Amino acid sequence: MTREEILGKVRNIIVNHFDIEAEKVTENLNIKADLDADSISIMEFVLELEDEFGTEISDEDAEKIETVGAAVDYITNNL
């Protein structure tokens, strides 16, 4: 799976989970600050990533994922 394909899937998860327009989801989008995501929303987002990509993201690693780009990089490096 290419990085671009992963970005598209992450973008779709964010659009559906946070009810935001797809064009606003850039790699620099900060999940916590820009989406006003609380810890529960972030945890649900991480669970959706795990389901979509069939991977496990440790709590420690999840805390480091602050932007869309960071989420894509993590998945790219751990698939």
PDB file of N, CA and C in Angstrom:
ATOM      1  N   MET A   1       0.850  -1.173   0.000  1.00  0.00           N
ATOM      2  CA  MET A   1       0.000   0.000   0.000  1.00  0.00           C
ATOM      3  C   MET A   1       0.897   1.239   0.000  1.00  0.00           C
ATOM      4  N   THR A   2       0.595   2.185  -0.877  1.00  0.00           N
ATOM      5  CA  THR A   2       1.416   3.396  -0.967  1.00  0.00           C
ATOM      6  C   THR A   2       1.039   4.383   0.140  1.00  0.00           C
ATOM      7  N   ARG A   3       1.936   5.326   0.358  1.00  0.00           N
ATOM      8  CA  ARG A   3       1.684   6.361   1.365  1.00  0.00           C
ATOM      9  C   ARG A   3       0.423   7.157   1.006  1.00  0.00           C
ATOM     10  N   GLU A   4       0.248   7.393  -0.281  1.00  0.00           N
ATOM     11  CA  GLU A   4      -0.918   8.144  -0.751  1.00  0.00           C
ATOM     12  C   GLU A   4      -2.217   7.390  -0.467  1.00  0.00           C
ATOM     13  N   GLU A   5      -2.201   6.074  -0.653  1.00  0.00           N
ATOM     14  CA  GLU A   5      -3.384   5.255  -0.347  1.00  0.00           C
ATOM     15  C   GLU A   5      -3.686   5.276   1.146  1.00  0.00           C
ATOM     16  N   ILE A   6      -2.628   5.207   1.953  1.00  0.00           N
ATOM     17  CA  ILE A   6      -2.807   5.266   3.407  1.00  0.00           C
ATOM     18  C   ILE A   6      -3.383   6.617   3.802  1.00  0.00           C
ATOM     19  N   LEU A   7      -2.846   7.688   3.229  1.00  0.00           N
ATOM     20  CA  LEU A   7      -3.366   9.037   3.517  1.00  0.00           C
ATOM     21  C   LEU A   7      -4.847   9.121   3.176  1.00  0.00           C
ATOM     22  N   GLY A   8      -5.252   8.562   2.051  1.00  0.00           N
ATOM     23  CA  GLY A   8      -6.662   8.586   1.651  1.00  0.00           C
ATOM     24  C   GLY A   8      -7.552   7.876   2.657  1.00  0.00           C
ATOM     25  N   LYS A   9      -7.090   6.732   3.149  1.00  0.00           N
ATOM     26  CA  LYS A   9      -7.879   5.985   4.132  1.00  0.00           C
ATOM     27  C   LYS A   9      -7.942   6.725   5.461  1.00  0.00           C
ATOM     28  N   VAL A  10      -6.806   7.296   5.887  1.00  0.00           N
ATOM     29  CA  VAL A  10      -6.786   8.072   7.135  1.00  0.00           C
ATOM     30  C   VAL A  10      -7.712   9.284   6.997  1.00  0.00           C
ATOM     31  N   ARG A  11      -7.653   9.928   5.843  1.00  0.00           N
ATOM     32  CA  ARG A  11      -8.522  11.089   5.588  1.00  0.00           C
ATOM     33  C   ARG A  11      -9.996  10.687   5.710  1.00  0.00           C
ATOM     34  N   ASN A  12     -10.364   9.550   5.119  1.00  0.00           N
ATOM     35  CA  ASN A  12     -11.756   9.088   5.196  1.00  0.00           C
ATOM     36  C   ASN A  12     -12.182   8.817   6.634  1.00  0.00           C
ATOM     37  N   ILE A  13     -11.296   8.220   7.414  1.00  0.00           N
ATOM     38  CA  ILE A  13     -11.614   7.958   8.823  1.00  0.00           C
ATOM     39  C   ILE A  13     -11.859   9.271   9.552  1.00  0.00           C
ATOM     40  N   ILE A  14     -11.000  10.258   9.317  1.00  0.00           N
ATOM     41  CA  ILE A  14     -11.153  11.550   9.993  1.00  0.00           C
ATOM     42  C   ILE A  14     -12.425  12.250   9.555  1.00  0.00           C
ATOM     43  N   VAL A  15     -12.715  12.222   8.263  1.00  0.00           N
ATOM     44  CA  VAL A  15     -13.940  12.851   7.748  1.00  0.00           C
ATOM     45  C   VAL A  15     -15.171  12.252   8.423  1.00  0.00           C
ATOM     46  N   ASN A  16     -15.207  10.935   8.515  1.00  0.00           N
ATOM     47  CA  ASN A  16     -16.365  10.267   9.117  1.00  0.00           C
ATOM     48  C   ASN A  16     -16.407  10.410  10.633  1.00  0.00           C
ATOM     49  N   HIS A  17     -15.259  10.329  11.270  1.00  0.00           N
ATOM     50  CA  HIS A  17     -15.216  10.347  12.728  1.00  0.00           C
ATOM     51  C   HIS A  17     -15.428  11.740  13.300  1.00  0.00           C
ATOM     52  N   PHE A  18     -14.819  12.746  12.668  1.00  0.00           N
ATOM     53  CA  PHE A  18     -14.862  14.107  13.209  1.00  0.00           C
ATOM     54  C   PHE A  18     -15.788  15.036  12.439  1.00  0.00           C
ATOM     55  N   ASP A  19     -16.486  14.504  11.427  1.00  0.00           N
ATOM     56  CA  ASP A  19     -17.446  15.284  10.651  1.00  0.00           C
ATOM     57  C   ASP A  19     -16.822  16.580  10.119  1.00  0.00           C
ATOM     58  N   ILE A  20     -15.776  16.415   9.319  1.00  0.00           N
ATOM     59  CA  ILE A  20     -15.056  17.538   8.722  1.00  0.00           C
ATOM     60  C   ILE A  20     -14.987  17.296   7.215  1.00  0.00           C
ATOM     61  N   GLU A  21     -14.869  18.376   6.454  1.00  0.00           N
ATOM     62  CA  GLU A  21     -14.785  18.249   4.997  1.00  0.00           C
ATOM     63  C   GLU A  21     -13.414  17.685   4.609  1.00  0.00           C
ATOM     64  N   ALA A  22     -13.412  16.794   3.627  1.00  0.00           N
ATOM     65  CA  ALA A  22     -12.188  16.098   3.215  1.00  0.00           C
ATOM     66  C   ALA A  22     -11.079  17.066   2.806  1.00  0.00           C
ATOM     67  N   GLU A  23     -11.444  18.185   2.148  1.00  0.00           N
ATOM     68  CA  GLU A  23     -10.396  19.095   1.689  1.00  0.00           C
ATOM     69  C   GLU A  23      -9.676  19.787   2.838  1.00  0.00           C
ATOM     70  N   LYS A  24     -10.267  19.792   4.021  1.00  0.00           N
ATOM     71  CA  LYS A  24      -9.628  20.417   5.188  1.00  0.00           C
ATOM     72  C   LYS A  24      -8.657  19.463   5.887  1.00  0.00           C
ATOM     73  N   VAL A  25      -8.684  18.196   5.494  1.00  0.00           N
ATOM     74  CA  VAL A  25      -7.813  17.203   6.128  1.00  0.00           C
ATOM     75  C   VAL A  25      -6.486  17.163   5.377  1.00  0.00           C
ATOM     76  N   THR A  26      -5.500  17.892   5.920  1.00  0.00           N
ATOM     77  CA  THR A  26      -4.156  17.915   5.348  1.00  0.00           C
ATOM     78  C   THR A  26      -3.214  17.174   6.285  1.00  0.00           C
ATOM     79  N   GLU A  27      -2.015  16.922   5.829  1.00  0.00           N
ATOM     80  CA  GLU A  27      -1.044  16.221   6.669  1.00  0.00           C
ATOM     81  C   GLU A  27      -0.655  17.040   7.887  1.00  0.00           C
ATOM     82  N   ASN A  28      -0.815  18.358   7.817  1.00  0.00           N
ATOM     83  CA  ASN A  28      -0.445  19.224   8.941  1.00  0.00           C
ATOM     84  C   ASN A  28      -1.574  19.406   9.943  1.00  0.00           C
ATOM     85  N   LEU A  29      -2.747  18.857   9.654  1.00  0.00           N
ATOM     86  CA  LEU A  29      -3.892  19.004  10.558  1.00  0.00           C
ATOM     87  C   LEU A  29      -3.558  18.365  11.904  1.00  0.00           C
ATOM     88  N   ASN A  30      -3.670  19.147  12.974  1.00  0.00           N
ATOM     89  CA  ASN A  30      -3.406  18.636  14.320  1.00  0.00           C
ATOM     90  C   ASN A  30      -4.700  18.052  14.854  1.00  0.00           C
ATOM     91  N   ILE A  31      -4.676  16.772  15.160  1.00  0.00           N
ATOM     92  CA  ILE A  31      -5.890  16.059  15.547  1.00  0.00           C
ATOM     93  C   ILE A  31      -6.500  16.632  16.814  1.00  0.00           C
ATOM     94  N   LYS A  32      -5.679  16.922  17.793  1.00  0.00           N
ATOM     95  CA  LYS A  32      -6.188  17.429  19.068  1.00  0.00           C
ATOM     96  C   LYS A  32      -6.609  18.896  18.951  1.00  0.00           C
ATOM     97  N   ALA A  33      -5.711  19.735  18.465  1.00  0.00           N
ATOM     98  CA  ALA A  33      -5.963  21.181  18.441  1.00  0.00           C
ATOM     99  C   ALA A  33      -6.965  21.595  17.359  1.00  0.00           C
ATOM    100  N   ASP A  34      -6.759  21.129  16.136  1.00  0.00           N
ATOM    101  CA  ASP A  34      -7.593  21.586  15.021  1.00  0.00           C
ATOM    102  C   ASP A  34      -8.981  20.951  15.012  1.00  0.00           C
ATOM    103  N   LEU A  35      -9.111  19.765  15.596  1.00  0.00           N
ATOM    104  CA  LEU A  35     -10.404  19.069  15.588  1.00  0.00           C
ATOM    105  C   LEU A  35     -11.087  19.102  16.952  1.00  0.00           C
ATOM    106  N   ASP A  36     -10.469  19.794  17.913  1.00  0.00           N
ATOM    107  CA  ASP A  36     -10.994  19.834  19.284  1.00  0.00           C
ATOM    108  C   ASP A  36     -11.282  18.437  19.812  1.00  0.00           C
ATOM    109  N   ALA A  37     -10.388  17.503  19.519  1.00  0.00           N
ATOM    110  CA  ALA A  37     -10.588  16.109  19.917  1.00  0.00           C
ATOM    111  C   ALA A  37     -10.186  15.912  21.375  1.00  0.00           C
ATOM    112  N   ASP A  38     -11.071  15.275  22.125  1.00  0.00           N
ATOM    113  CA  ASP A  38     -10.731  14.937  23.503  1.00  0.00           C
ATOM    114  C   ASP A  38     -10.090  13.554  23.520  1.00  0.00           C
ATOM    115  N   SER A  39      -9.683  13.095  24.693  1.00  0.00           N
ATOM    116  CA  SER A  39      -8.958  11.824  24.778  1.00  0.00           C
ATOM    117  C   SER A  39      -9.802  10.648  24.296  1.00  0.00           C
ATOM    118  N   ILE A  40     -11.109  10.699  24.519  1.00  0.00           N
ATOM    119  CA  ILE A  40     -11.987   9.614  24.067  1.00  0.00           C
ATOM    120  C   ILE A  40     -12.065   9.592  22.537  1.00  0.00           C
ATOM    121  N   SER A  41     -12.225  10.760  21.930  1.00  0.00           N
ATOM    122  CA  SER A  41     -12.278  10.842  20.464  1.00  0.00           C
ATOM    123  C   SER A  41     -10.980  10.350  19.841  1.00  0.00           C
ATOM    124  N   ILE A  42      -9.872  10.707  20.462  1.00  0.00           N
ATOM    125  CA  ILE A  42      -8.570  10.282  19.937  1.00  0.00           C
ATOM    126  C   ILE A  42      -8.432   8.771  20.063  1.00  0.00           C
ATOM    127  N   MET A  43      -8.852   8.221  21.197  1.00  0.00           N
ATOM    128  CA  MET A  43      -8.780   6.775  21.399  1.00  0.00           C
ATOM    129  C   MET A  43      -9.642   6.050  20.356  1.00  0.00           C
ATOM    130  N   GLU A  44     -10.841   6.560  20.106  1.00  0.00           N
ATOM    131  CA  GLU A  44     -11.720   5.952  19.095  1.00  0.00           C
ATOM    132  C   GLU A  44     -11.085   6.039  17.710  1.00  0.00           C
ATOM    133  N   PHE A  45     -10.457   7.169  17.412  1.00  0.00           N
ATOM    134  CA  PHE A  45      -9.775   7.360  16.133  1.00  0.00           C
ATOM    135  C   PHE A  45      -8.657   6.325  15.969  1.00  0.00           C
ATOM    136  N   VAL A  46      -7.862   6.130  17.024  1.00  0.00           N
ATOM    137  CA  VAL A  46      -6.771   5.157  16.993  1.00  0.00           C
ATOM    138  C   VAL A  46      -7.328   3.748  16.786  1.00  0.00           C
ATOM    139  N   LEU A  47      -8.431   3.421  17.452  1.00  0.00           N
ATOM    140  CA  LEU A  47      -9.063   2.106  17.273  1.00  0.00           C
ATOM    141  C   LEU A  47      -9.518   1.911  15.833  1.00  0.00           C
ATOM    142  N   GLU A  48     -10.058   2.966  15.229  1.00  0.00           N
ATOM    143  CA  GLU A  48     -10.480   2.883  13.826  1.00  0.00           C
ATOM    144  C   GLU A  48      -9.272   2.658  12.912  1.00  0.00           C
ATOM    145  N   LEU A  49      -8.158   3.329  13.218  1.00  0.00           N
ATOM    146  CA  LEU A  49      -6.935   3.113  12.438  1.00  0.00           C
ATOM    147  C   LEU A  49      -6.490   1.658  12.549  1.00  0.00           C
ATOM    148  N   GLU A  50      -6.520   1.129  13.771  1.00  0.00           N
ATOM    149  CA  GLU A  50      -6.117  -0.263  13.981  1.00  0.00           C
ATOM    150  C   GLU A  50      -6.998  -1.212  13.179  1.00  0.00           C
ATOM    151  N   ASP A  51      -8.303  -0.979  13.203  1.00  0.00           N
ATOM    152  CA  ASP A  51      -9.237  -1.829  12.458  1.00  0.00           C
ATOM    153  C   ASP A  51      -8.997  -1.730  10.952  1.00  0.00           C
ATOM    154  N   GLU A  52      -8.841  -0.517  10.467  1.00  0.00           N
ATOM    155  CA  GLU A  52      -8.686  -0.290   9.031  1.00  0.00           C
ATOM    156  C   GLU A  52      -7.410  -0.923   8.478  1.00  0.00           C
ATOM    157  N   PHE A  53      -6.324  -0.808   9.251  1.00  0.00           N
ATOM    158  CA  PHE A  53      -5.030  -1.241   8.738  1.00  0.00           C
ATOM    159  C   PHE A  53      -4.544  -2.553   9.342  1.00  0.00           C
ATOM    160  N   GLY A  54      -5.341  -3.156  10.218  1.00  0.00           N
ATOM    161  CA  GLY A  54      -4.980  -4.445  10.797  1.00  0.00           C
ATOM    162  C   GLY A  54      -3.680  -4.411  11.569  1.00  0.00           C
ATOM    163  N   THR A  55      -3.477  -3.338  12.307  1.00  0.00           N
ATOM    164  CA  THR A  55      -2.255  -3.170  13.086  1.00  0.00           C
ATOM    165  C   THR A  55      -2.612  -2.769  14.504  1.00  0.00           C
ATOM    166  N   GLU A  56      -1.663  -2.919  15.410  1.00  0.00           N
ATOM    167  CA  GLU A  56      -1.886  -2.461  16.776  1.00  0.00           C
ATOM    168  C   GLU A  56      -1.023  -1.248  17.028  1.00  0.00           C
ATOM    169  N   ILE A  57      -1.619  -0.246  17.686  1.00  0.00           N
ATOM    170  CA  ILE A  57      -0.891   0.969  18.023  1.00  0.00           C
ATOM    171  C   ILE A  57      -0.872   1.048  19.543  1.00  0.00           C
ATOM    172  N   SER A  58       0.328   1.010  20.110  1.00  0.00           N
ATOM    173  CA  SER A  58       0.434   1.061  21.571  1.00  0.00           C
ATOM    174  C   SER A  58      -0.029   2.433  22.070  1.00  0.00           C
ATOM    175  N   ASP A  59      -0.436   2.485  23.332  1.00  0.00           N
ATOM    176  CA  ASP A  59      -0.864   3.758  23.925  1.00  0.00           C
ATOM    177  C   ASP A  59       0.260   4.782  23.848  1.00  0.00           C
ATOM    178  N   GLU A  60       1.479   4.314  24.073  1.00  0.00           N
ATOM    179  CA  GLU A  60       2.643   5.207  24.017  1.00  0.00           C
ATOM    180  C   GLU A  60       2.807   5.802  22.619  1.00  0.00           C
ATOM    181  N   ASP A  61       2.681   4.961  21.593  1.00  0.00           N
ATOM    182  CA  ASP A  61       2.793   5.449  20.219  1.00  0.00           C
ATOM    183  C   ASP A  61       1.613   6.344  19.846  1.00  0.00           C
ATOM    184  N   ALA A  62       0.423   5.989  20.315  1.00  0.00           N
ATOM    185  CA  ALA A  62      -0.773   6.780  20.003  1.00  0.00           C
ATOM    186  C   ALA A  62      -0.634   8.205  20.517  1.00  0.00           C
ATOM    187  N   GLU A  63      -0.014   8.365  21.677  1.00  0.00           N
ATOM    188  CA  GLU A  63       0.171   9.704  22.246  1.00  0.00           C
ATOM    189  C   GLU A  63       1.085  10.564  21.383  1.00  0.00           C
ATOM    190  N   LYS A  64       1.971   9.932  20.605  1.00  0.00           N
ATOM    191  CA  LYS A  64       2.909  10.667  19.752  1.00  0.00           C
ATOM    192  C   LYS A  64       2.283  11.088  18.425  1.00  0.00           C
ATOM    193  N   ILE A  65       1.136  10.511  18.092  1.00  0.00           N
ATOM    194  CA  ILE A  65       0.478  10.834  16.822  1.00  0.00           C
ATOM    195  C   ILE A  65      -0.370  12.088  17.023  1.00  0.00           C
ATOM    196  N   GLU A  66       0.198  13.224  16.609  1.00  0.00           N
ATOM    197  CA  GLU A  66      -0.488  14.492  16.814  1.00  0.00           C
ATOM    198  C   GLU A  66      -1.109  15.051  15.537  1.00  0.00           C
ATOM    199  N   THR A  67      -0.530  14.680  14.393  1.00  0.00           N
ATOM    200  CA  THR A  67      -1.031  15.217  13.128  1.00  0.00           C
ATOM    201  C   THR A  67      -1.440  14.073  12.201  1.00  0.00           C
ATOM    202  N   VAL A  68      -2.157  14.427  11.157  1.00  0.00           N
ATOM    203  CA  VAL A  68      -2.543  13.444  10.150  1.00  0.00           C
ATOM    204  C   VAL A  68      -1.288  12.835   9.532  1.00  0.00           C
ATOM    205  N   GLY A  69      -0.303  13.671   9.227  1.00  0.00           N
ATOM    206  CA  GLY A  69       0.949  13.189   8.646  1.00  0.00           C
ATOM    207  C   GLY A  69       1.646  12.185   9.556  1.00  0.00           C
ATOM    208  N   ALA A  70       1.625  12.449  10.866  1.00  0.00           N
ATOM    209  CA  ALA A  70       2.248  11.533  11.827  1.00  0.00           C
ATOM    210  C   ALA A  70       1.514  10.188  11.836  1.00  0.00           C
ATOM    211  N   ALA A  71       0.192  10.217  11.720  1.00  0.00           N
ATOM    212  CA  ALA A  71      -0.579   8.979  11.665  1.00  0.00           C
ATOM    213  C   ALA A  71      -0.228   8.186  10.414  1.00  0.00           C
ATOM    214  N   VAL A  72      -0.129   8.884   9.286  1.00  0.00           N
ATOM    215  CA  VAL A  72       0.222   8.224   8.016  1.00  0.00           C
ATOM    216  C   VAL A  72       1.628   7.642   8.097  1.00  0.00           C
ATOM    217  N   ASP A  73       2.567   8.413   8.648  1.00  0.00           N
ATOM    218  CA  ASP A  73       3.947   7.930   8.787  1.00  0.00           C
ATOM    219  C   ASP A  73       3.999   6.684   9.673  1.00  0.00           C
ATOM    220  N   TYR A  74       3.270   6.724  10.779  1.00  0.00           N
ATOM    221  CA  TYR A  74       3.270   5.579  11.701  1.00  0.00           C
ATOM    222  C   TYR A  74       2.761   4.322  10.992  1.00  0.00           C
ATOM    223  N   ILE A  75       1.651   4.463  10.300  1.00  0.00           N
ATOM    224  CA  ILE A  75       1.065   3.302   9.614  1.00  0.00           C
ATOM    225  C   ILE A  75       1.991   2.822   8.498  1.00  0.00           C
ATOM    226  N   THR A  76       2.543   3.746   7.732  1.00  0.00           N
ATOM    227  CA  THR A  76       3.465   3.388   6.656  1.00  0.00           C
ATOM    228  C   THR A  76       4.648   2.587   7.194  1.00  0.00           C
ATOM    229  N   ASN A  77       5.164   2.991   8.338  1.00  0.00           N
ATOM    230  CA  ASN A  77       6.349   2.350   8.912  1.00  0.00           C
ATOM    231  C   ASN A  77       6.030   1.068   9.669  1.00  0.00           C
ATOM    232  N   ASN A  78       4.773   0.821   9.977  1.00  0.00           N
ATOM    233  CA  ASN A  78       4.423  -0.328  10.811  1.00  0.00           C
ATOM    234  C   ASN A  78       3.503  -1.339  10.137  1.00  0.00           C
ATOM    235  N   LEU A  79       3.276  -1.208   8.846  1.00  0.00           N
ATOM    236  CA  LEU A  79       2.449  -2.201   8.146  1.00  0.00           C
ATOM    237  C   LEU A  79       3.278  -3.405   7.796  1.00  0.00           C
TER     238      LEU A  79
END
